[in-house]
Each structure stands twice: as C-alpha cells, then as structure tokens.
C-alpha cells in the first residue's frame, strides 16, 4: 500500500479526537473520507501530514513510518497537501507561489513544472503576475492544487476540495481531479459532493466521532442509502 493508516489516535491537548482510525490507499487509487463537520476528517489529515502528533497507532507512507517525522520530511516522501482554506501566500504572485513549491524528491521522469501546471489550469497562466490575494476563490483553489502538484507527489491529499466554490468552478476542479486519476496519481479527498466523488473514487470511508464506522466501494455506498441518510446528512 502507498499509505497505510493503522489504528491511529490523536488529541488536541487533553481532548482525544481520533479513536483508532484505520484506512489504506494503494498506488493510483482515489479514496475519500466522508462525514459531517467536526467528525475528525481534517484531524486525520493533520496527523498524516505530521501537523498533529499521533498518540497511538502507525502511519506508513511508501513503506516508511512517518509517525515521528516533521511535515517537510513527510512531503519529501511524496505527500502533497491541498489544505482546507487553501493557505496560499497572498503577498506572493501566482508565479512565486508555484515556484516556491518546486521540488522533485522522488525523481519523477516527467515532473510537474510551472509550465505544466499553467497548461493544466489555464486560468493561472492569465494571472501569473497577480498576487495570490487578488485571485477569486476558485483561482486560489487551482493555485493551491497547482502548488501541491509542483512538489511532484505520489499521493495528493485534498481537504474540502470544492468547498465554497461556484458550481462552474467545482465542475472544473472535478474534471482536473479525474484527469489526475487517469494519469495514475493517488488521492485522498475530503468533500461533501458525494455524487461527484462517486464518479471517480475507488473506495470510501465514513468517519463519525473520530472513528471509521463504514467503508466500501461506490457500489456499496450506492446500495446502502442508510449510510448517506444517517452519517452524511444526504438523501
């Protein structure tokens, strides 16, 4: 497995938030974490990326334990993060936001470059000299994805991939993510657009109060509407 998360727990101070989360992602696979707000999805992402310590359990990325690694070292193992809220640098230009992330630690034969990202997201090519803070929300999300791709990850993690975006921009983001899957990039995606995710995700995990309470394929999720009704709030 590319990523193997085994029975991890985590806490903020004395408040435990994760209670034995387990899931896995294979090379080239798209997996989702689903659930209502406040159930532990973002906390799970933070632990995987090294932003929050794991109190128990194990996280393996590309066959190496990352439990005690700093975030920059986990990134060098092939994890690219598109965080909730985007967190681009508003005072840097689009070009500078992209170039500051440029890396190829896994020595990809055909690496992502700024030209390649601009070809992937043409809107960014029209805004290269603009400050990050001058972009629309949708353009900022494209920039956040492009910045993560510039690190040439083997696993792309997207926390709230399309939250707060206009429908036409959401459609463009989903189209680009489908394209990335076709190119063989593994992804872990958090989003509330269940139907869009089911068009190209391989497997799903539902998180409730810091635990995985359901997992299955698209077919399994479609066949079990009670999961959507009870745990996702979607009819």
Protein backbone atom coordinates (compact mmCIF):
# COMPACT_ATOMS: atom_id res chain seq x y z
CA UNK A 1 0.00 0.00 0.00
CA UNK A 2 1.12 3.56 -0.69
CA UNK A 3 -0.47 4.79 2.55
CA UNK A 4 -1.41 2.56 5.45
CA UNK A 5 -3.07 4.19 8.46
CA UNK A 6 -3.43 1.63 11.24
CA UNK A 7 -5.50 2.27 14.35
CA UNK A 8 -4.28 5.84 14.95
CA UNK A 9 -5.41 8.05 17.80
CA UNK A 10 -4.72 11.76 18.25
CA UNK A 11 -5.65 14.55 20.62
CA UNK A 12 -5.70 18.32 20.99
CA UNK A 13 -4.26 18.79 24.45
CA UNK A 14 -6.23 16.56 26.81
CA UNK A 15 -9.13 16.16 24.35
CA UNK A 16 -8.89 12.98 22.32
CA UNK A 17 -10.28 13.43 18.81
CA UNK A 18 -9.33 10.29 16.90
CA UNK A 19 -10.12 6.84 18.28
CA UNK A 20 -8.38 4.17 16.24
CA UNK A 21 -8.77 5.37 12.64
CA UNK A 22 -7.67 2.83 10.02
CA UNK A 23 -7.67 3.01 6.23
CA UNK A 24 -5.35 2.45 3.28
CA UNK A 25 -4.64 3.81 -0.19
CA UNK A 26 -2.97 1.89 -2.97
CA UNK A 27 -0.81 3.35 -5.73
CA UNK A 28 -3.00 5.25 -8.20
CA UNK A 29 -6.12 4.80 -6.05
CA UNK A 30 -8.62 7.52 -5.13
CA UNK A 31 -10.05 7.21 -1.63
CA UNK A 32 -12.41 9.55 0.22
CA UNK A 33 -13.01 10.43 3.85
CA UNK A 34 -16.67 11.28 4.31
CA UNK A 35 -18.67 12.52 7.26
CA UNK A 36 -20.32 15.54 8.79
CA UNK A 37 -18.33 18.55 10.01
CA UNK A 38 -16.38 18.08 13.21
CA UNK A 39 -16.12 14.30 12.99
CA UNK A 40 -12.33 14.09 12.68
CA UNK A 41 -11.61 14.17 8.94
CA UNK A 42 -9.33 17.21 8.97
CA UNK A 43 -7.66 15.98 12.16
CA UNK A 44 -6.91 12.72 10.35
CA UNK A 45 -5.29 14.67 7.52
CA UNK A 46 -3.26 16.71 10.01
CA UNK A 47 -1.89 13.56 11.63
CA UNK A 48 -0.97 12.03 8.27
CA UNK A 49 0.90 15.20 7.30
CA UNK A 50 2.76 15.42 10.60
CA UNK A 51 0.97 18.56 11.76
CA UNK A 52 -0.53 16.79 14.78
CA UNK A 53 1.27 14.06 16.76
CA UNK A 54 -0.09 10.52 16.72
CA UNK A 55 -0.66 9.27 20.26
CA UNK A 56 -1.01 5.62 19.22
CA UNK A 57 -1.17 3.54 16.08
CA UNK A 58 1.00 3.69 12.97
CA UNK A 59 1.15 5.62 9.70
CA UNK A 60 3.20 4.14 6.85
CA UNK A 61 3.87 6.11 3.66
CA UNK A 62 5.67 4.35 0.82
CA UNK A 63 6.75 1.65 3.26
CA UNK A 64 8.25 4.05 5.80
CA UNK A 65 6.89 5.01 9.21
CA UNK A 66 6.06 8.72 9.38
CA UNK A 67 4.76 8.80 12.96
CA UNK A 68 7.64 10.90 14.24
CA UNK A 69 8.64 12.76 11.07
CA UNK A 70 8.35 16.51 10.58
CA UNK A 71 5.90 17.70 7.88
CA UNK A 72 8.62 18.70 5.41
CA UNK A 73 10.16 15.22 5.60
CA UNK A 74 6.77 13.60 5.01
CA UNK A 75 6.31 15.84 1.99
CA UNK A 76 9.64 14.63 0.62
CA UNK A 77 8.33 11.07 0.81
CA UNK A 78 5.66 12.03 -1.71
CA UNK A 79 2.72 13.58 0.15
CA UNK A 80 1.26 16.75 -1.36
CA UNK A 81 -1.36 18.65 0.66
CA UNK A 82 -4.12 20.96 -0.56
CA UNK A 83 -5.29 22.22 2.84
CA UNK A 84 -8.74 23.36 3.87
CA UNK A 85 -8.84 27.12 3.35
CA UNK A 86 -6.13 26.90 0.61
CA UNK A 87 -3.45 28.81 2.58
CA UNK A 88 -1.77 30.30 -0.45
CA UNK A 89 0.60 33.22 0.09
CA UNK A 90 -1.49 36.34 -0.65
CA UNK A 91 1.51 38.69 -0.92
CA UNK A 92 3.34 36.49 -3.44
CA UNK A 93 2.43 36.38 -7.11
CA UNK A 94 0.94 33.28 -8.67
CA UNK A 95 4.31 32.58 -10.27
CA UNK A 96 6.09 32.90 -6.92
CA UNK A 97 3.52 30.69 -5.15
CA UNK A 98 4.22 27.97 -7.68
CA UNK A 99 7.99 28.29 -7.89
CA UNK A 100 8.50 28.27 -4.11
CA UNK A 101 6.99 24.75 -4.00
CA UNK A 102 9.00 23.32 -6.91
CA UNK A 103 10.62 20.01 -5.98
CA UNK A 104 11.10 16.52 -7.34
CA UNK A 105 12.24 14.38 -4.39
CA UNK A 106 11.01 11.14 -5.96
CA UNK A 107 12.79 11.94 -9.23
CA UNK A 108 9.69 11.73 -11.44
CA UNK A 109 10.63 11.18 -15.06
CA UNK A 110 8.11 13.75 -16.30
CA UNK A 111 7.83 16.16 -13.37
CA UNK A 112 5.31 18.88 -12.82
CA UNK A 113 6.73 22.30 -13.73
CA UNK A 114 5.20 25.75 -13.74
CA UNK A 115 4.56 25.48 -17.49
CA UNK A 116 2.84 22.15 -16.99
CA UNK A 117 0.67 23.49 -14.15
CA UNK A 118 -0.31 26.51 -16.26
CA UNK A 119 -1.28 24.18 -19.09
CA UNK A 120 -3.34 22.16 -16.60
CA UNK A 121 -5.01 25.29 -15.16
CA UNK A 122 -5.03 27.91 -17.97
CA UNK A 123 -6.64 30.49 -15.66
CA UNK A 124 -3.44 30.56 -13.64
CA UNK A 125 -1.47 31.38 -16.78
CA UNK A 126 -3.56 34.54 -17.14
CA UNK A 127 -2.78 35.53 -13.53
CA UNK A 128 0.93 34.75 -13.15
CA UNK A 129 1.81 38.33 -12.19
CA UNK A 130 -1.18 38.79 -9.89
CA UNK A 131 -0.84 38.48 -6.14
CA UNK A 132 -2.41 35.44 -4.58
CA UNK A 133 -4.76 37.69 -2.65
CA UNK A 134 -6.11 39.16 -5.90
CA UNK A 135 -7.44 35.82 -7.13
CA UNK A 136 -11.01 34.61 -6.87
CA UNK A 137 -11.76 31.72 -4.53
CA UNK A 138 -11.80 29.29 -7.43
CA UNK A 139 -8.49 30.55 -8.78
CA UNK A 140 -6.96 30.30 -5.31
CA UNK A 141 -8.05 26.67 -5.12
CA UNK A 142 -6.49 26.00 -8.52
CA UNK A 143 -3.32 27.65 -7.25
CA UNK A 144 -3.35 25.52 -4.07
CA UNK A 145 -3.70 22.36 -6.19
CA UNK A 146 -1.03 23.56 -8.62
CA UNK A 147 1.33 24.34 -5.74
CA UNK A 148 0.88 20.82 -4.35
CA UNK A 149 1.49 19.32 -7.79
CA UNK A 150 4.75 21.29 -8.05
CA UNK A 151 6.10 19.08 -5.25
CA UNK A 152 5.55 16.07 -7.57
CA UNK A 153 3.71 13.94 -5.02
CA UNK A 154 2.80 10.28 -5.26
CA UNK A 155 -0.21 10.99 -3.01
CA UNK A 156 -2.29 14.16 -3.26
CA UNK A 157 -4.41 14.98 -0.20
CA UNK A 158 -7.27 17.46 -0.70
CA UNK A 159 -9.16 18.72 2.36
CA UNK A 160 -12.52 20.19 1.25
CA UNK A 161 -11.63 20.09 -2.43
CA UNK A 162 -14.51 22.29 -3.67
CA UNK A 163 -15.93 23.93 -0.55
CA UNK A 164 -17.43 27.37 -1.17
CA UNK A 165 -16.78 27.36 -4.91
CA UNK A 166 -19.22 28.31 -7.65
CA UNK A 167 -20.78 25.35 -9.50
CA UNK A 168 -18.87 26.00 -12.73
CA UNK A 169 -15.57 26.08 -10.83
CA UNK A 170 -16.46 22.91 -8.93
CA UNK A 171 -17.05 21.16 -12.23
CA UNK A 172 -13.64 22.29 -13.49
CA UNK A 173 -11.91 21.07 -10.32
CA UNK A 174 -13.63 17.68 -10.56
CA UNK A 175 -12.63 17.39 -14.21
CA UNK A 176 -8.99 18.10 -13.35
CA UNK A 177 -9.01 15.58 -10.49
CA UNK A 178 -10.41 12.93 -12.81
CA UNK A 179 -7.59 13.76 -15.20
CA UNK A 180 -5.05 13.30 -12.41
CA UNK A 181 -6.51 9.91 -11.63
CA UNK A 182 -6.19 8.90 -15.28
CA UNK A 183 -2.52 9.90 -15.03
CA UNK A 184 -2.12 7.48 -12.11
CA UNK A 185 -1.89 9.90 -9.19
CA UNK A 186 -3.23 8.53 -5.89
CA UNK A 187 -5.54 10.86 -3.97
CA UNK A 188 -7.20 11.17 -0.59
CA UNK A 189 -10.17 13.53 -0.88
CA UNK A 190 -12.45 15.15 1.67
CA UNK A 191 -15.52 16.83 0.21
CA UNK A 192 -19.27 16.99 0.64
CA UNK A 193 -20.10 16.48 -3.07
CA UNK A 194 -20.76 12.75 -2.71
CA UNK A 195 -22.20 12.22 -6.18
CA UNK A 196 -19.21 13.91 -7.83
CA UNK A 197 -16.81 11.80 -5.79
CA UNK A 198 -18.62 8.60 -6.69
CA UNK A 199 -17.91 9.27 -10.36
CA UNK A 200 -14.21 8.54 -9.99
CA UNK A 201 -13.30 7.46 -6.43
CA UNK A 202 -12.42 3.82 -5.82
CA UNK A 203 -13.32 3.49 -2.15
CA UNK A 204 -14.92 5.49 0.66
CA UNK A 205 -14.51 5.68 4.44
CA UNK A 206 -17.14 7.33 6.62
CA UNK A 207 -15.83 8.97 9.80
CA UNK A 208 -18.09 9.53 12.82
CA UNK A 209 -16.79 10.97 16.10
CA UNK A 210 -13.20 10.08 15.35
CA UNK A 211 -13.82 6.52 14.17
CA UNK A 212 -14.32 4.83 10.82
CA UNK A 213 -17.86 3.48 11.05
CA UNK A 214 -18.28 2.35 7.43
CA UNK A 215 -16.14 1.61 4.40
CA UNK A 216 -16.84 0.32 0.93
CA UNK A 217 -16.82 0.90 -2.81
CA UNK A 218 -19.04 3.15 -4.93
CA UNK A 219 -21.32 0.18 -5.48
CA UNK A 220 -21.51 -0.48 -1.75
CA UNK A 221 -22.34 3.16 -0.97
CA UNK A 222 -24.99 3.36 -3.67
CA UNK A 223 -26.58 0.17 -2.34
CA UNK A 224 -26.73 1.46 1.25
CA UNK A 225 -28.72 4.74 1.29
CA UNK A 226 -29.00 4.48 5.07
CA UNK A 227 -25.31 5.40 5.30
CA UNK A 228 -25.91 8.66 3.44
CA UNK A 229 -29.05 9.42 5.43
CA UNK A 230 -27.63 8.67 8.85
CA UNK A 231 -23.98 9.68 8.68
CA UNK A 232 -23.70 12.13 5.78
CA UNK A 233 -26.98 14.01 6.03
CA UNK A 234 -27.72 13.46 2.34
CA UNK A 235 -30.88 11.99 0.97
